[in-house]
Amino acid sequence: MIMAVFGYAAALGIGLSLGLIGGGGSILTVPILVYLFHIDPVKATAYSLFVVGLTSLAGAYSHARKGNIQYKTALIFGIPSLIAVFTMRKWVMAAIPVHIISFGTRTINKSFLLMMVFALLMVFASISMIRNKQSNGNEEGDPSGKSYPIIQLSLQGVMVGLITGFVGVGGGFLIIPSLVLLAGLPMKKAVGTSLMIMTISSLLGVMGDMTGKLSIDYPFLGIFSAFAIAGILLGSYLSGFIKDTRLKPAFGWFVLMMGLFIITRSIL
């Protein structure tokens, strides 16, 4: 009961992070589901995509009303990304064997591989947030005077889609820098566009699991997602009063500690 209370409070924190800094919070969804609700890591990645998709949808709707979504960029980046996510969830994940390889008495199984890759991704993301050197882009508006780097954005979309599909994260910490640096979007539009991309790719990705043999606990996901959605709505409101330049490094250190904890626990 106590662990469940902490878990739902953490779900609120996931949405709060997404609303405040546009990413990062979803990377905690899998550890919360695994360690607080004792859900199998493989199933947790599917649940994470569902939660991230619904939560991002609420955030994207809020940003759309403010005109903070660049639809052309979302399509160029999002279509390759969602194809990669669906492919990863529908066929690649199903093809990975439960027991991968053995070293003496030690067996590397699918769950161990997922958690280790996920933890390394958390370390990578945390370093990016701690350094906090992300450009704020062109604050005047959309890129002008040059054509969209369609190939670069599409390839980046495929890479993010594969990562999203494998470990079940939204990928906002990868999408936002791509939109700022490659597409030249201002930070607010990058956040809104990123949430739209995360919505489509996450929800389509989890469909790959729903059409398979994975059993889904929809009542639990509904409650968990409701807390996360409440968090993102609150975070979107508070974002007008709090600068993310202070939040990102602090949150990055927390994510780093979580990543190192997962690596240590998985190995031991």
Protein backbone atom coordinates (compact mmCIF):
# COMPACT_ATOMS: atom_id res chain seq x y z
CA MET A 1 0.00 0.00 0.00
CA ILE A 2 2.77 2.44 0.98
CA MET A 3 4.74 1.59 -2.17
CA ALA A 4 1.63 2.23 -4.27
CA VAL A 5 1.20 5.67 -2.67
CA PHE A 6 4.82 6.52 -3.47
CA GLY A 7 4.29 5.17 -6.99
CA TYR A 8 1.29 7.37 -7.73
CA ALA A 9 3.06 10.37 -6.23
CA ALA A 10 5.98 9.60 -8.54
CA ALA A 11 3.54 9.45 -11.49
CA LEU A 12 2.50 12.99 -10.59
CA GLY A 13 6.18 13.94 -10.63
CA ILE A 14 6.61 12.42 -14.10
CA GLY A 15 3.93 14.70 -15.51
CA LEU A 16 5.25 17.67 -13.54
CA SER A 17 8.69 17.26 -15.10
CA LEU A 18 7.24 16.97 -18.60
CA GLY A 19 5.19 20.11 -18.06
CA LEU A 20 8.06 22.12 -16.58
CA ILE A 21 11.04 21.19 -18.76
CA GLY A 22 9.47 19.34 -21.70
CA GLY A 23 11.15 15.99 -21.07
CA GLY A 24 13.07 13.82 -18.66
CA GLY A 25 10.14 12.70 -16.50
CA SER A 26 9.13 9.81 -18.73
CA ILE A 27 12.52 8.20 -18.27
CA LEU A 28 11.52 7.46 -14.66
CA THR A 29 8.30 5.64 -15.61
CA VAL A 30 9.89 2.22 -16.13
CA PRO A 31 11.88 2.22 -12.84
CA ILE A 32 8.74 3.33 -10.96
CA LEU A 33 6.67 0.53 -12.50
CA VAL A 34 9.38 -2.08 -11.91
CA TYR A 35 10.53 -1.20 -8.39
CA LEU A 36 7.41 0.31 -6.80
CA PHE A 37 4.67 -1.73 -8.50
CA HIS A 38 6.78 -4.88 -9.16
CA ILE A 39 5.84 -5.10 -12.85
CA ASP A 40 7.99 -7.19 -15.18
CA PRO A 41 10.48 -4.96 -17.07
CA VAL A 42 9.25 -6.10 -20.51
CA LYS A 43 5.63 -5.30 -19.62
CA ALA A 44 6.77 -2.08 -17.90
CA THR A 45 8.16 -0.73 -21.18
CA ALA A 46 4.75 -1.21 -22.81
CA TYR A 47 2.96 0.38 -19.85
CA SER A 48 5.42 3.27 -19.98
CA LEU A 49 4.61 3.98 -23.63
CA PHE A 50 0.90 4.04 -22.79
CA VAL A 51 1.36 6.45 -19.87
CA VAL A 52 3.78 8.69 -21.77
CA GLY A 53 1.44 8.77 -24.78
CA LEU A 54 -1.62 9.87 -22.79
CA THR A 55 0.35 12.33 -20.67
CA SER A 56 2.02 13.88 -23.72
CA LEU A 57 -1.39 14.16 -25.39
CA ALA A 58 -2.63 16.34 -22.54
CA GLY A 59 0.51 18.48 -22.74
CA ALA A 60 0.36 18.72 -26.54
CA TYR A 61 -3.26 19.90 -26.38
CA SER A 62 -2.26 22.64 -23.94
CA HIS A 63 0.60 23.76 -26.20
CA ALA A 64 -1.55 23.57 -29.33
CA ARG A 65 -3.96 26.09 -27.82
CA LYS A 66 -0.99 28.43 -27.32
CA GLY A 67 0.27 27.91 -30.89
CA ASN A 68 3.41 26.14 -29.74
CA ILE A 69 3.34 23.22 -32.21
CA GLN A 70 5.15 23.31 -35.58
CA TYR A 71 3.18 20.70 -37.50
CA LYS A 72 5.47 20.49 -40.53
CA THR A 73 8.46 19.63 -38.34
CA ALA A 74 6.35 17.19 -36.32
CA LEU A 75 5.50 15.27 -39.50
CA ILE A 76 9.07 15.24 -40.85
CA PHE A 77 10.45 13.99 -37.53
CA GLY A 78 7.43 12.07 -36.28
CA ILE A 79 6.50 9.78 -39.18
CA PRO A 80 9.90 7.98 -39.33
CA SER A 81 9.92 7.88 -35.53
CA LEU A 82 6.50 6.26 -35.16
CA ILE A 83 7.28 3.70 -37.88
CA ALA A 84 10.48 2.78 -36.00
CA VAL A 85 8.63 2.54 -32.67
CA PHE A 86 5.89 0.29 -34.03
CA THR A 87 8.42 -1.95 -35.80
CA MET A 88 10.50 -2.26 -32.64
CA ARG A 89 7.51 -3.15 -30.42
CA LYS A 90 5.69 -5.40 -32.89
CA TRP A 91 8.52 -7.50 -34.33
CA VAL A 92 11.99 -6.77 -32.88
CA MET A 93 11.04 -7.01 -29.19
CA ALA A 94 9.07 -10.20 -29.86
CA ALA A 95 12.11 -11.70 -31.59
CA ILE A 96 14.46 -11.16 -28.63
CA PRO A 97 14.66 -14.45 -26.68
CA VAL A 98 13.88 -14.57 -22.96
CA HIS A 99 17.30 -16.11 -22.22
CA ILE A 100 19.96 -14.46 -24.35
CA ILE A 101 23.32 -15.85 -23.24
CA SER A 102 24.90 -17.62 -20.24
CA PHE A 103 28.29 -17.15 -18.56
CA GLY A 104 28.79 -20.04 -16.17
CA THR A 105 26.05 -19.69 -13.58
CA ARG A 106 25.13 -16.18 -14.78
CA THR A 107 22.36 -15.86 -17.39
CA ILE A 108 21.71 -12.67 -19.33
CA ASN A 109 17.97 -12.57 -19.91
CA LYS A 110 15.68 -10.15 -21.71
CA SER A 111 14.65 -8.27 -18.56
CA PHE A 112 18.27 -7.77 -17.47
CA LEU A 113 19.20 -6.44 -20.93
CA LEU A 114 16.29 -4.00 -20.93
CA MET A 115 17.10 -2.60 -17.50
CA MET A 116 20.82 -2.24 -18.26
CA VAL A 117 20.21 -0.45 -21.55
CA PHE A 118 17.61 1.69 -19.83
CA ALA A 119 19.98 2.58 -16.99
CA LEU A 120 22.76 3.54 -19.42
CA LEU A 121 20.28 5.72 -21.28
CA MET A 122 19.36 7.39 -17.97
CA VAL A 123 23.03 8.14 -17.31
CA PHE A 124 23.39 9.64 -20.80
CA ALA A 125 20.25 11.75 -20.36
CA SER A 126 21.26 12.92 -16.89
CA ILE A 127 24.65 14.16 -18.11
CA SER A 128 22.89 16.17 -20.82
CA MET A 129 20.56 17.76 -18.26
CA ILE A 130 23.34 18.44 -15.73
CA ARG A 131 25.54 20.16 -18.32
CA ASN A 132 22.47 22.13 -19.44
CA LYS A 133 24.16 23.55 -22.55
CA GLN A 134 21.16 23.15 -24.75
CA SER A 135 20.62 26.11 -27.07
CA ASN A 136 17.43 28.09 -26.69
CA GLY A 137 17.07 28.33 -30.46
CA ASN A 138 15.64 31.23 -32.39
CA GLU A 139 13.23 32.92 -29.99
CA GLU A 140 11.67 34.98 -32.75
CA GLY A 141 9.87 32.09 -34.41
CA ASP A 142 10.25 29.28 -36.88
CA PRO A 143 13.39 28.78 -38.95
CA SER A 144 13.61 31.11 -41.90
CA GLY A 145 15.97 31.75 -44.73
CA LYS A 146 16.98 28.11 -45.12
CA SER A 147 15.33 24.82 -45.99
CA TYR A 148 14.48 22.13 -43.47
CA PRO A 149 17.19 19.48 -43.03
CA ILE A 150 14.66 16.79 -43.93
CA ILE A 151 17.12 13.89 -44.15
CA GLN A 152 18.82 14.73 -40.85
CA LEU A 153 15.51 15.17 -39.03
CA SER A 154 14.13 11.93 -40.49
CA LEU A 155 17.22 9.92 -39.50
CA GLN A 156 17.11 11.44 -36.02
CA GLY A 157 13.44 10.46 -35.86
CA VAL A 158 14.29 6.85 -36.71
CA MET A 159 17.00 6.73 -34.03
CA VAL A 160 14.72 8.20 -31.37
CA GLY A 161 11.92 5.83 -32.45
CA LEU A 162 14.13 2.77 -32.04
CA ILE A 163 15.22 3.88 -28.56
CA THR A 164 11.65 4.76 -27.60
CA GLY A 165 10.37 1.38 -28.76
CA PHE A 166 13.10 -0.60 -27.02
CA VAL A 167 13.13 0.96 -23.56
CA GLY A 168 9.65 2.54 -23.47
CA VAL A 169 10.57 6.20 -22.94
CA GLY A 170 9.07 9.25 -24.60
CA GLY A 171 12.45 10.48 -25.82
CA GLY A 172 11.79 14.16 -25.17
CA PHE A 173 15.36 14.66 -23.93
CA LEU A 174 16.52 13.54 -27.42
CA ILE A 175 13.75 15.11 -29.50
CA ILE A 176 13.95 18.65 -28.10
CA PRO A 177 17.68 19.21 -28.85
CA SER A 178 17.09 17.86 -32.38
CA LEU A 179 14.22 20.29 -33.00
CA VAL A 180 16.18 23.22 -31.58
CA LEU A 181 19.49 22.53 -33.31
CA LEU A 182 18.38 20.97 -36.62
CA ALA A 183 15.01 22.65 -37.24
CA GLY A 184 15.86 25.91 -35.48
CA LEU A 185 12.66 25.98 -33.44
CA PRO A 186 12.32 28.30 -30.44
CA MET A 187 12.35 26.44 -27.13
CA LYS A 188 8.61 26.72 -26.44
CA LYS A 189 7.69 25.40 -29.89
CA ALA A 190 10.29 22.65 -29.56
CA VAL A 191 8.63 21.50 -26.31
CA GLY A 192 5.12 21.58 -27.81
CA THR A 193 6.19 19.84 -31.02
CA SER A 194 8.11 17.24 -29.02
CA LEU A 195 5.01 16.41 -26.95
CA MET A 196 2.99 15.91 -30.13
CA ILE A 197 5.64 13.57 -31.56
CA MET A 198 5.84 11.66 -28.28
CA THR A 199 2.04 11.30 -28.21
CA ILE A 200 1.81 9.74 -31.66
CA SER A 201 4.89 7.52 -31.47
CA SER A 202 4.20 6.26 -27.92
CA LEU A 203 0.54 5.38 -28.48
CA LEU A 204 1.25 3.75 -31.84
CA GLY A 205 4.16 1.88 -30.31
CA VAL A 206 2.05 0.38 -27.55
CA MET A 207 -0.40 -0.83 -30.19
CA GLY A 208 2.32 -3.24 -31.24
CA ASP A 209 2.03 -4.81 -27.79
CA MET A 210 -1.78 -4.71 -27.70
CA THR A 211 -1.99 -6.65 -30.94
CA GLY A 212 0.33 -9.27 -29.46
CA LYS A 213 -0.01 -11.59 -26.46
CA LEU A 214 0.81 -9.03 -23.77
CA SER A 215 -1.95 -8.65 -21.17
CA ILE A 216 -2.72 -5.03 -20.27
CA ASP A 217 -4.12 -3.91 -16.89
CA TYR A 218 -6.16 -0.95 -18.15
CA PRO A 219 -7.69 0.11 -14.78
CA PHE A 220 -4.21 0.42 -13.25
CA LEU A 221 -2.90 2.29 -16.30
CA GLY A 222 -5.88 4.62 -16.18
CA ILE A 223 -5.23 5.59 -12.56
CA PHE A 224 -1.46 5.91 -13.06
CA SER A 225 -1.95 8.01 -16.21
CA ALA A 226 -4.48 10.25 -14.44
CA PHE A 227 -1.82 11.23 -11.87
CA ALA A 228 0.74 11.85 -14.62
CA ILE A 229 -1.74 13.97 -16.61
CA ALA A 230 -2.56 16.03 -13.51
CA GLY A 231 1.19 16.57 -13.11
CA ILE A 232 1.75 17.76 -16.68
CA LEU A 233 -1.17 20.19 -16.48
CA LEU A 234 0.20 21.58 -13.22
CA GLY A 235 3.72 21.70 -14.68
CA SER A 236 2.52 23.53 -17.80
CA TYR A 237 0.92 26.16 -15.57
CA LEU A 238 3.98 26.52 -13.32
CA SER A 239 6.37 26.70 -16.30
CA GLY A 240 5.42 30.32 -16.75
CA PHE A 241 6.83 31.13 -13.30
CA ILE A 242 9.86 28.82 -13.01
CA LYS A 243 12.96 28.81 -15.22
CA ASP A 244 13.99 25.37 -16.47
CA THR A 245 17.68 26.36 -16.34
CA ARG A 246 17.58 25.71 -12.60
CA LEU A 247 15.35 22.65 -12.68
CA LYS A 248 17.18 20.61 -15.32
CA PRO A 249 20.55 20.23 -13.52
CA ALA A 250 18.87 19.24 -10.23
CA PHE A 251 16.60 16.76 -11.97
CA GLY A 252 19.60 15.49 -13.94
CA TRP A 253 21.45 14.57 -10.75
CA PHE A 254 18.40 12.65 -9.53
CA VAL A 255 18.15 10.74 -12.83
CA LEU A 256 21.90 9.98 -12.66
CA MET A 257 21.56 8.48 -9.18
CA MET A 258 18.57 6.42 -10.32
CA GLY A 259 20.52 5.13 -13.33
CA LEU A 260 23.49 4.10 -11.20
CA PHE A 261 21.14 2.44 -8.69
CA ILE A 262 19.52 0.37 -11.46
CA ILE A 263 22.92 -0.71 -12.84
CA THR A 264 24.14 -1.74 -9.38
CA ARG A 265 20.94 -3.57 -8.47
CA SER A 266 20.76 -5.37 -11.83
CA ILE A 267 24.36 -6.59 -11.60
CA LEU A 268 24.12 -7.68 -7.95
